[in-house]
Amino acid sequence: MLRNYYFVVLLTITTFGFAQEPQKDSILKPNDFITNDSIEDYYVRFEGDSILMSSIELDEVYLFGKLDFANREDKLRYYILRRKTVKVYPYAKLAAERLVELNDSLQLIKKRRHQRRYTRKVQKYIEGEFSDELKKLTRTEGQILVKLIHRQTGTTAFDLVKELRSGWRAFWYSTTASLFKITLKEEFRPEEIHEDYLIEDILQRAFAASRLERQKSVLDYDYAQLTNKWKRMPPSTDN
């Protein structure tokens, strides 16, 4: 009799627990779930989110192999490239963020004249934000930055200048940059250029180590596939 009483109490508590919705301000434990009248389908809701989800999306996790170099020269080249890439990446990331902000704002401005005026203001702000630091970059650092701008925005530095200023200004910037062997039309092509793959490898390792703040590339390539490709195919001489 007493055993039956305990069974009824336990059944009542269990039923009541399933009928209650987890508190919005509580963090769900692994066993906290909401049923939809099926014992096979479960949905979870995270703190601060009102949407029920049947699955949890996780960021990609890469397992990095040990860095192997054919010789001391390749090893030194990689570490020099890493130092330069880590140095200039924040500028490319910031440029991409400013470009998104600019495009979002321009969509709210209807008149073309006002768009041009706003673009000039933003351009002067960006120049003031970047110019002092960018003047300190070496030629190779400047070229890496141009590639990373293309990685982050999908647009070459030349086309960005052309779009934000004028075709003549873009031509002038390109000509001036060429005097220092910097090509503003340079694209980021890790599928074709081994050095670009090394830059991507440096970024992914820095992201995983929380050395750099992750910002996904807008270009269409897969880092894992690139790694497999370059392991199979020895790099040729590229620029």
Protein backbone atom coordinates (compact mmCIF):
# COMPACT_ATOMS: atom_id res chain seq x y z
CA MET A 1 0.00 0.00 0.00
CA LEU A 2 2.78 2.39 0.96
CA ARG A 3 4.69 1.34 -2.15
CA ASN A 4 1.68 2.22 -4.33
CA TYR A 5 1.46 5.63 -2.64
CA TYR A 6 5.09 6.39 -3.47
CA PHE A 7 4.48 5.28 -7.03
CA VAL A 8 1.52 7.67 -7.42
CA VAL A 9 3.52 10.57 -5.95
CA LEU A 10 6.48 9.87 -8.25
CA LEU A 11 4.19 9.60 -11.27
CA THR A 12 2.52 12.91 -10.37
CA ILE A 13 5.85 14.73 -9.97
CA THR A 14 7.21 13.32 -13.24
CA THR A 15 4.08 14.26 -15.17
CA PHE A 16 4.10 17.74 -13.68
CA GLY A 17 7.77 18.16 -14.56
CA PHE A 18 7.20 17.27 -18.20
CA ALA A 19 4.23 19.63 -18.41
CA GLN A 20 6.26 22.62 -17.26
CA GLU A 21 8.21 24.78 -19.66
CA PRO A 22 11.81 25.55 -18.60
CA GLN A 23 12.22 29.05 -17.19
CA LYS A 24 13.43 31.58 -19.75
CA ASP A 25 16.13 32.89 -17.46
CA SER A 26 17.56 29.46 -16.68
CA ILE A 27 20.26 27.61 -18.56
CA LEU A 28 19.04 24.32 -19.95
CA LYS A 29 20.80 21.22 -18.73
CA PRO A 30 21.41 18.28 -21.08
CA ASN A 31 18.28 16.54 -19.74
CA ASP A 32 16.03 19.61 -20.01
CA PHE A 33 13.78 19.26 -23.04
CA ILE A 34 10.28 19.92 -24.28
CA THR A 35 8.25 17.23 -25.96
CA ASN A 36 5.81 17.68 -28.80
CA ASP A 37 3.62 14.66 -27.95
CA SER A 38 6.27 12.30 -29.29
CA ILE A 39 8.87 10.39 -27.37
CA GLU A 40 11.21 10.57 -30.38
CA ASP A 41 11.25 14.34 -31.08
CA TYR A 42 12.88 16.72 -28.62
CA TYR A 43 13.28 20.46 -28.77
CA VAL A 44 15.53 22.76 -26.76
CA ARG A 45 15.48 26.47 -26.08
CA PHE A 46 18.52 28.41 -24.95
CA GLU A 47 18.55 31.30 -22.52
CA GLY A 48 17.39 34.52 -24.17
CA ASP A 49 16.01 32.71 -27.24
CA SER A 50 12.29 32.17 -27.79
CA ILE A 51 12.71 29.75 -30.71
CA LEU A 52 12.57 26.01 -30.13
CA MET A 53 15.25 24.04 -31.97
CA SER A 54 15.44 20.35 -32.77
CA SER A 55 19.22 20.56 -33.27
CA ILE A 56 22.13 22.67 -32.14
CA GLU A 57 24.41 24.25 -34.76
CA LEU A 58 28.07 24.18 -33.78
CA ASP A 59 31.03 25.97 -35.31
CA GLU A 60 33.43 23.95 -37.41
CA VAL A 61 36.35 22.56 -35.47
CA TYR A 62 39.63 21.83 -37.26
CA LEU A 63 42.25 19.42 -36.02
CA PHE A 64 45.57 20.87 -37.05
CA GLY A 65 48.48 18.65 -37.90
CA LYS A 66 52.04 19.39 -36.93
CA LEU A 67 53.75 21.92 -39.14
CA ASP A 68 56.24 20.17 -41.40
CA PHE A 69 58.79 22.01 -43.50
CA ALA A 70 61.04 20.68 -46.23
CA ASN A 71 63.93 22.80 -45.07
CA ARG A 72 64.93 25.63 -42.79
CA GLU A 73 64.23 28.20 -45.50
CA ASP A 74 60.57 27.11 -45.81
CA LYS A 75 60.20 27.18 -42.03
CA LEU A 76 61.61 30.70 -41.80
CA ARG A 77 59.39 31.83 -44.67
CA TYR A 78 56.28 30.50 -42.91
CA TYR A 79 57.03 32.22 -39.61
CA ILE A 80 57.79 35.53 -41.31
CA LEU A 81 54.52 35.21 -43.23
CA ARG A 82 52.70 34.43 -39.99
CA ARG A 83 54.04 37.52 -38.26
CA LYS A 84 53.00 39.76 -41.16
CA THR A 85 49.57 38.13 -41.58
CA VAL A 86 48.69 38.43 -37.89
CA LYS A 87 49.77 42.06 -38.00
CA VAL A 88 47.62 43.18 -40.94
CA TYR A 89 44.55 40.95 -40.52
CA PRO A 90 42.79 43.31 -38.03
CA TYR A 91 42.90 46.07 -40.67
CA ALA A 92 41.25 43.84 -43.28
CA LYS A 93 38.62 42.76 -40.77
CA LEU A 94 37.88 46.36 -39.84
CA ALA A 95 37.69 47.37 -43.50
CA ALA A 96 35.11 44.65 -44.14
CA GLU A 97 33.04 45.78 -41.15
CA ARG A 98 33.14 49.41 -42.29
CA LEU A 99 32.10 48.39 -45.81
CA VAL A 100 29.08 46.49 -44.47
CA GLU A 101 28.10 49.47 -42.32
CA LEU A 102 28.48 51.80 -45.30
CA ASN A 103 26.34 49.65 -47.61
CA ASP A 104 23.65 49.23 -44.95
CA SER A 105 23.52 52.98 -44.41
CA LEU A 106 23.42 53.77 -48.13
CA GLN A 107 20.32 51.62 -48.52
CA LEU A 108 18.51 53.98 -46.17
CA ILE A 109 19.56 57.09 -48.10
CA LYS A 110 17.32 57.64 -51.10
CA LYS A 111 18.89 60.60 -52.90
CA ARG A 112 22.04 59.93 -54.92
CA ARG A 113 23.51 63.30 -53.94
CA HIS A 114 23.14 62.49 -50.26
CA GLN A 115 24.67 59.04 -50.82
CA ARG A 116 27.77 60.60 -52.39
CA ARG A 117 28.06 63.07 -49.54
CA TYR A 118 27.77 60.33 -46.94
CA THR A 119 30.28 58.14 -48.79
CA ARG A 120 32.84 60.96 -48.80
CA LYS A 121 32.41 61.41 -45.05
CA VAL A 122 32.88 57.71 -44.41
CA GLN A 123 35.87 57.60 -46.73
CA LYS A 124 37.57 60.46 -44.88
CA TYR A 125 36.82 58.75 -41.59
CA ILE A 126 38.32 55.47 -42.80
CA GLU A 127 41.41 57.26 -44.12
CA GLY A 128 41.86 58.97 -40.77
CA GLU A 129 41.37 55.67 -39.00
CA PHE A 130 43.85 53.73 -41.12
CA SER A 131 46.34 56.12 -42.67
CA ASP A 132 48.86 56.53 -39.84
CA GLU A 133 49.12 52.81 -39.21
CA LEU A 134 49.10 51.78 -42.87
CA LYS A 135 52.02 54.09 -43.60
CA LYS A 136 54.12 51.94 -41.29
CA LEU A 137 53.48 48.74 -43.27
CA THR A 138 56.21 47.21 -45.38
CA ARG A 139 55.65 46.36 -49.04
CA THR A 140 54.96 42.69 -48.33
CA GLU A 141 52.64 43.56 -45.44
CA GLY A 142 50.76 45.93 -47.73
CA GLN A 143 50.35 43.20 -50.36
CA ILE A 144 49.09 40.71 -47.77
CA LEU A 145 46.59 43.33 -46.59
CA VAL A 146 45.32 43.77 -50.16
CA LYS A 147 44.77 40.00 -50.40
CA LEU A 148 43.02 39.85 -47.05
CA ILE A 149 40.71 42.71 -48.01
CA HIS A 150 39.63 40.60 -50.97
CA ARG A 151 39.21 37.60 -48.63
CA GLN A 152 36.97 39.56 -46.28
CA THR A 153 34.94 41.57 -48.79
CA GLY A 154 35.03 39.58 -52.03
CA THR A 155 36.14 42.78 -53.79
CA THR A 156 39.63 43.87 -54.71
CA ALA A 157 41.10 46.97 -53.09
CA PHE A 158 41.18 48.59 -56.55
CA ASP A 159 37.44 48.07 -57.09
CA LEU A 160 36.65 49.30 -53.59
CA VAL A 161 38.52 52.54 -54.22
CA LYS A 162 36.88 52.84 -57.64
CA GLU A 163 33.43 52.35 -56.13
CA LEU A 164 33.91 54.69 -53.20
CA ARG A 165 35.84 57.43 -54.99
CA SER A 166 36.24 57.45 -58.76
CA GLY A 167 37.82 55.49 -61.57
CA TRP A 168 40.64 58.04 -61.91
CA ARG A 169 41.38 57.89 -58.17
CA ALA A 170 41.51 54.08 -58.32
CA PHE A 171 43.86 54.22 -61.31
CA TRP A 172 46.09 56.70 -59.50
CA TYR A 173 46.18 54.60 -56.33
CA SER A 174 46.98 51.50 -58.40
CA THR A 175 49.78 53.27 -60.24
CA THR A 176 51.26 54.63 -57.01
CA ALA A 177 51.05 51.23 -55.35
CA SER A 178 52.78 49.62 -58.33
CA LEU A 179 55.82 51.81 -57.69
CA PHE A 180 56.19 49.85 -54.45
CA LYS A 181 55.30 46.56 -56.20
CA ILE A 182 51.88 46.43 -54.55
CA THR A 183 49.00 45.41 -56.81
CA LEU A 184 45.63 46.70 -55.62
CA LYS A 185 43.91 44.33 -58.03
CA GLU A 186 45.44 41.29 -56.31
CA GLU A 187 42.94 38.59 -55.30
CA PHE A 188 43.11 35.98 -52.55
CA ARG A 189 43.38 32.57 -54.27
CA PRO A 190 44.31 29.82 -51.80
CA GLU A 191 43.17 27.14 -54.28
CA GLU A 192 45.82 28.22 -56.80
CA ILE A 193 48.58 30.01 -54.89
CA HIS A 194 50.40 28.14 -52.16
CA GLU A 195 51.33 31.30 -50.24
CA ASP A 196 47.65 32.26 -50.07
CA TYR A 197 46.90 28.82 -48.63
CA LEU A 198 49.63 29.37 -46.03
CA ILE A 199 47.96 32.67 -45.11
CA GLU A 200 44.64 30.86 -44.66
CA ASP A 201 46.35 28.19 -42.57
CA ILE A 202 47.91 30.89 -40.39
CA LEU A 203 44.52 32.55 -39.91
CA GLN A 204 42.72 29.31 -39.01
CA ARG A 205 45.37 28.39 -36.44
CA ALA A 206 45.23 31.91 -34.98
CA PHE A 207 41.43 31.76 -34.77
CA ALA A 208 41.55 28.41 -32.98
CA ALA A 209 44.11 29.76 -30.51
CA SER A 210 41.98 32.92 -29.94
CA ARG A 211 44.91 35.00 -31.12
CA LEU A 212 42.72 36.65 -33.74
CA GLU A 213 38.97 37.28 -33.76
CA ARG A 214 37.35 35.03 -36.34
CA GLN A 215 35.69 36.58 -39.36
CA LYS A 216 34.59 34.19 -42.08
CA SER A 217 35.76 34.74 -45.60
CA VAL A 218 33.08 35.63 -48.14
CA LEU A 219 34.94 33.58 -50.76
CA ASP A 220 33.85 30.07 -51.63
CA TYR A 221 36.52 27.57 -50.57
CA ASP A 222 36.96 24.87 -47.95
CA TYR A 223 40.03 25.00 -45.74
CA ALA A 224 40.05 21.25 -45.03
CA GLN A 225 39.91 20.43 -48.73
CA LEU A 226 42.67 22.93 -49.42
CA THR A 227 44.85 21.30 -46.78
CA ASN A 228 44.39 17.87 -48.37
CA LYS A 229 45.12 19.31 -51.80
CA TRP A 230 48.37 21.00 -50.84
CA LYS A 231 49.54 17.94 -48.92
CA ARG A 232 49.19 15.85 -52.07
CA MET A 233 50.53 18.45 -54.47
CA PRO A 234 53.90 20.07 -53.75
CA PRO A 235 53.81 23.84 -54.23
CA SER A 236 55.19 25.27 -57.42
CA THR A 237 56.94 28.59 -57.70
CA ASP A 238 54.24 31.27 -57.38
CA ASN A 239 54.03 34.91 -56.58
